[in-house]
Amino acid sequence: MRRAVTLAVIGFALVLILRFPARWLGPLLPRAIHCQQLDGSVWSGTCSGLTSGVSALGDLSWDLQALQLLRARLELRLDLTNQGSYLRGFVARGFGGSLHGRDVALDLPLTSALISSLPAGAHARLQGTLQQFNWNGKYLDELQGELNIQDLFGSQGQAFGSYQVQFSSAAGGVVHDTGGPLALDATLQLTHDPGYLLQGRVAARPSASPELVDQLKYLGTADAAGRRPFSLSGTF
C-alpha cells in the first residue's frame, strides 16, 4: 500500500513538472518584466505583450531544450517578434551568470535605446546571424557571426550608408561598407569594459553631401587614395 502511494505521488509530481503551466511563471519574473498573457507550459509556451519597463518588446515563444539540462544548462529556443522585427535562436544560461547563444538570427531597429553610445535620433536596421557567442558574466569570450547595419542615419537625418561587421573571435572583427556615401574599411576591437574601439580609413564617394565631405576633413590628411584615418571608441 505504502509503495503504491509513493509511486502515485512520484507520478503526480512528474506530471506536474511536465505540464507546469506557463502562467505560474508570472510571479517569478523580474520586477520590470511583464507579460500580458502567458500560455502553454514551462517547457513550451508563449508570452504575449512582453514589456520591460515602459518598452514594448513584442510576443515571445519558447521551447526548453531538455537534453541541455544534463550539461547543467538551461537552454531555450526563443522567438521574439515585434512589428516586423525579430530575434530568434538558442540561448542558454550557465553557471556564474554565463550566457551562451547559437544560431541567433536578428532584425532589429538600431537606436540609442539598444546601444547607449549611439547619438539620440540616429537610427538604422541591425540584421544578421551569430553562429556562436558566449558571455562569461563579465565579458564576451566567444563571438562568431555577421551583423549588417542597414541605412544608417545620423541624429540630423544625414545618410551614412550601410555596413557589415564580420566577427571571427571575441576580440572583434572587420568592418566594411556595403554601399552609401562613405567608403570604409576598419577593424573593430571589443574590450572588457565592455566597450569597443573602431579604427580604419574612410573616404567620401561622389554621392556624399558637401557637409559630409567637410566633416571628413577634420580627420586629418588624406592619403593618395583620398582615405583618411579615424578612430572611435565607446561603451555599450
Protein backbone atom coordinates (compact mmCIF):
# COMPACT_ATOMS: atom_id res chain seq x y z
CA MET A 1 0.00 0.00 0.00
CA ARG A 2 2.77 2.41 1.00
CA ARG A 3 4.67 1.62 -2.20
CA ALA A 4 1.57 2.31 -4.31
CA VAL A 5 1.07 5.67 -2.58
CA THR A 6 4.73 6.57 -3.14
CA LEU A 7 4.51 5.69 -6.83
CA ALA A 8 1.32 7.71 -7.14
CA VAL A 9 2.98 10.76 -5.54
CA ILE A 10 6.01 10.44 -7.84
CA GLY A 11 3.75 10.07 -10.84
CA PHE A 12 1.77 13.15 -9.86
CA ALA A 13 4.99 15.14 -9.36
CA LEU A 14 6.28 14.11 -12.80
CA VAL A 15 3.02 15.12 -14.46
CA LEU A 16 3.09 18.45 -12.62
CA ILE A 17 6.66 19.12 -13.73
CA LEU A 18 5.99 18.14 -17.35
CA ARG A 19 2.80 20.22 -17.52
CA PHE A 20 3.90 23.11 -15.30
CA PRO A 21 1.61 25.93 -16.55
CA ALA A 22 3.41 28.93 -18.02
CA ARG A 23 1.08 31.28 -16.15
CA TRP A 24 2.71 30.20 -12.89
CA LEU A 25 5.90 31.88 -14.09
CA GLY A 26 4.36 35.35 -13.84
CA PRO A 27 5.25 35.99 -10.17
CA LEU A 28 8.79 34.68 -10.79
CA LEU A 29 9.66 37.26 -13.47
CA PRO A 30 11.92 40.22 -12.60
CA ARG A 31 10.00 43.25 -11.38
CA ALA A 32 10.48 45.24 -14.60
CA ILE A 33 9.41 42.35 -16.89
CA HIS A 34 5.73 41.74 -17.56
CA CYS A 35 3.66 39.50 -19.80
CA GLN A 36 0.15 40.50 -20.77
CA GLN A 37 -0.73 36.81 -21.23
CA LEU A 38 1.17 33.58 -20.54
CA ASP A 39 0.08 30.36 -22.24
CA GLY A 40 1.42 26.82 -22.60
CA SER A 41 3.85 25.26 -20.15
CA VAL A 42 7.28 26.00 -18.75
CA TRP A 43 8.62 23.58 -21.38
CA SER A 44 6.89 25.15 -24.37
CA GLY A 45 4.95 28.36 -24.04
CA THR A 46 4.20 31.88 -25.19
CA CYS A 47 4.25 35.33 -23.64
CA SER A 48 2.03 37.82 -25.44
CA GLY A 49 2.64 41.51 -24.84
CA LEU A 50 6.11 41.27 -23.29
CA THR A 51 7.32 44.55 -21.80
CA SER A 52 10.43 45.72 -19.98
CA GLY A 53 9.71 48.86 -18.00
CA VAL A 54 7.95 51.16 -20.49
CA SER A 55 9.39 49.39 -23.56
CA ALA A 56 7.13 47.05 -25.54
CA LEU A 57 9.25 44.09 -26.69
CA GLY A 58 6.61 42.10 -28.58
CA ASP A 59 5.48 38.48 -28.38
CA LEU A 60 7.77 35.71 -27.15
CA SER A 61 7.60 31.94 -27.61
CA TRP A 62 9.99 29.36 -26.20
CA ASP A 63 10.83 25.65 -26.15
CA LEU A 64 13.01 24.24 -23.38
CA GLN A 65 15.83 22.00 -24.66
CA ALA A 66 15.60 19.17 -22.13
CA LEU A 67 18.86 17.41 -23.06
CA GLN A 68 20.86 20.54 -22.20
CA LEU A 69 19.79 20.13 -18.56
CA LEU A 70 22.26 17.22 -18.43
CA ARG A 71 25.02 19.78 -19.07
CA ALA A 72 23.73 21.98 -16.23
CA ARG A 73 22.46 24.46 -18.81
CA LEU A 74 19.00 25.96 -19.06
CA GLU A 75 18.72 26.31 -22.85
CA LEU A 76 15.70 27.68 -24.66
CA ARG A 77 14.82 28.09 -28.29
CA LEU A 78 13.46 31.62 -28.31
CA ASP A 79 11.44 33.51 -30.89
CA LEU A 80 10.68 37.18 -30.18
CA THR A 81 8.68 39.14 -32.76
CA ASN A 82 7.56 42.75 -32.72
CA GLN A 83 6.04 44.59 -35.70
CA GLY A 84 8.37 43.18 -38.35
CA SER A 85 11.38 42.86 -36.05
CA TYR A 86 12.58 39.54 -34.67
CA LEU A 87 15.19 37.81 -32.55
CA ARG A 88 15.31 34.03 -32.65
CA GLY A 89 17.74 31.27 -31.80
CA PHE A 90 19.06 29.09 -28.99
CA VAL A 91 20.07 30.82 -25.75
CA ALA A 92 21.37 29.04 -22.65
CA ARG A 93 22.06 30.14 -19.09
CA GLY A 94 25.03 28.55 -17.32
CA PHE A 95 26.92 28.81 -14.05
CA GLY A 96 28.14 32.20 -12.78
CA GLY A 97 25.67 34.17 -14.88
CA SER A 98 27.18 33.00 -18.18
CA LEU A 99 25.05 33.28 -21.29
CA HIS A 100 25.52 31.13 -24.38
CA GLY A 101 23.92 31.57 -27.78
CA ARG A 102 23.94 29.68 -31.08
CA ASP A 103 22.26 30.15 -34.43
CA VAL A 104 20.82 33.51 -33.34
CA ALA A 105 19.19 35.47 -36.17
CA LEU A 106 18.01 39.04 -35.71
CA ASP A 107 16.44 42.00 -37.45
CA LEU A 108 16.02 44.90 -35.05
CA PRO A 109 15.81 48.70 -35.06
CA LEU A 110 19.20 50.14 -34.11
CA THR A 111 18.79 53.21 -31.89
CA SER A 112 20.28 54.67 -28.72
CA ALA A 113 17.80 52.51 -26.79
CA LEU A 114 19.75 49.43 -27.96
CA ILE A 115 23.28 50.95 -27.93
CA SER A 116 23.59 53.80 -25.46
CA SER A 117 26.64 55.32 -27.19
CA LEU A 118 24.61 55.93 -30.37
CA PRO A 119 23.54 59.60 -30.58
CA ALA A 120 19.88 60.26 -29.82
CA GLY A 121 17.93 60.40 -33.06
CA ALA A 122 20.40 58.26 -35.03
CA HIS A 123 18.86 55.07 -36.39
CA ALA A 124 19.35 52.07 -38.68
CA ARG A 125 18.38 48.41 -39.01
CA LEU A 126 20.56 45.78 -37.35
CA GLN A 127 20.40 42.43 -39.13
CA GLY A 128 22.48 39.30 -39.13
CA THR A 129 23.26 35.90 -37.69
CA LEU A 130 25.51 34.93 -34.79
CA GLN A 131 26.65 31.31 -35.07
CA GLN A 132 28.10 31.32 -31.56
CA PHE A 133 28.53 33.72 -28.66
CA ASN A 134 29.43 33.31 -25.02
CA TRP A 135 29.11 35.91 -22.27
CA ASN A 136 31.00 34.64 -19.21
CA GLY A 137 29.24 37.01 -16.83
CA LYS A 138 31.77 39.83 -17.28
CA TYR A 139 32.66 39.99 -20.97
CA LEU A 140 32.39 38.13 -24.27
CA ASP A 141 34.95 35.34 -24.65
CA GLU A 142 33.49 33.85 -27.85
CA LEU A 143 31.83 35.52 -30.82
CA GLN A 144 31.34 34.29 -34.38
CA GLY A 145 28.96 35.64 -36.95
CA GLU A 146 27.99 38.57 -39.10
CA LEU A 147 26.00 41.74 -38.45
CA ASN A 148 24.74 44.25 -41.00
CA ILE A 149 23.90 47.86 -40.25
CA GLN A 150 21.43 48.89 -42.93
CA ASP A 151 20.67 52.51 -43.86
CA LEU A 152 22.37 54.38 -41.04
CA PHE A 153 21.08 57.90 -40.47
CA GLY A 154 22.60 60.46 -38.11
CA SER A 155 20.77 62.46 -35.47
CA GLN A 156 20.16 65.25 -38.03
CA GLY A 157 18.81 62.88 -40.67
CA GLN A 158 22.05 62.65 -42.63
CA ALA A 159 22.53 59.37 -44.55
CA PHE A 160 25.74 57.44 -43.78
CA GLY A 161 25.12 54.26 -45.78
CA SER A 162 25.25 50.57 -44.83
CA TYR A 163 27.98 48.46 -43.22
CA GLN A 164 28.89 44.85 -42.48
CA VAL A 165 30.77 43.53 -39.44
CA GLN A 166 32.27 40.02 -39.58
CA PHE A 167 33.27 38.51 -36.24
CA SER A 168 35.77 35.66 -36.09
CA SER A 169 36.50 35.85 -32.36
CA ALA A 170 35.53 37.71 -29.18
CA ALA A 171 38.46 40.06 -29.83
CA GLY A 172 36.46 41.72 -32.61
CA GLY A 173 36.27 41.64 -36.37
CA VAL A 174 36.48 43.56 -39.61
CA VAL A 175 34.13 46.28 -40.86
CA HIS A 176 33.49 47.50 -44.39
CA ASP A 177 30.78 49.48 -46.11
CA THR A 178 28.20 47.83 -48.35
CA GLY A 179 27.09 51.00 -50.11
CA GLY A 180 26.43 54.65 -49.47
CA PRO A 181 28.31 57.96 -49.41
CA LEU A 182 31.32 56.61 -47.48
CA ALA A 183 33.93 54.03 -48.48
CA LEU A 184 35.12 52.47 -45.23
CA ASP A 185 37.47 49.69 -44.15
CA ALA A 186 38.20 49.21 -40.47
CA THR A 187 38.82 46.82 -37.61
CA LEU A 188 36.57 46.54 -34.59
CA GLN A 189 38.16 45.63 -31.26
CA LEU A 190 35.91 44.59 -28.38
CA THR A 191 37.16 45.41 -24.89
CA HIS A 192 36.32 44.01 -21.46
CA ASP A 193 34.73 47.28 -20.21
CA PRO A 194 32.59 46.21 -22.14
CA GLY A 195 33.28 48.62 -24.95
CA TYR A 196 34.70 48.94 -28.44
CA LEU A 197 37.47 50.55 -30.48
CA LEU A 198 36.83 51.12 -34.19
CA GLN A 199 39.86 52.11 -36.28
CA GLY A 200 40.38 52.35 -40.01
CA ARG A 201 40.23 54.58 -43.06
CA VAL A 202 37.31 56.33 -44.70
CA ALA A 203 36.78 58.32 -47.88
CA ALA A 204 33.89 60.21 -49.37
CA ARG A 205 32.28 58.93 -52.53
CA PRO A 206 30.93 61.28 -55.25
CA SER A 207 27.44 60.81 -53.79
CA ALA A 208 28.49 62.27 -50.42
CA SER A 209 26.98 65.60 -49.47
CA PRO A 210 29.23 68.70 -49.25
CA GLU A 211 28.58 68.78 -45.48
CA LEU A 212 29.82 65.21 -45.08
CA VAL A 213 32.91 65.91 -47.18
CA ASP A 214 33.71 68.90 -44.96
CA GLN A 215 33.28 66.82 -41.80
CA LEU A 216 35.82 64.26 -43.03
CA LYS A 217 38.46 66.98 -43.38
CA TYR A 218 38.67 67.17 -39.58
CA LEU A 219 40.01 63.59 -39.50
CA GLY A 220 43.40 64.56 -40.87
CA THR A 221 45.36 64.40 -44.08
CA ALA A 222 44.07 62.09 -46.80
CA ASP A 223 46.35 59.53 -48.45
CA ALA A 224 46.88 59.16 -52.20
CA ALA A 225 43.56 57.29 -52.50
CA GLY A 226 41.70 60.03 -50.64
CA ARG A 227 41.23 57.95 -47.47
CA ARG A 228 41.56 59.50 -44.03
CA PRO A 229 42.36 57.68 -40.76
CA PHE A 230 39.76 57.62 -37.99
CA SER A 231 39.31 56.13 -34.54
CA LEU A 232 36.11 55.80 -32.50
CA SER A 233 35.67 54.28 -29.04
CA GLY A 234 32.83 53.90 -26.57
CA THR A 235 30.96 51.58 -24.24
CA PHE A 236 27.81 49.53 -24.74
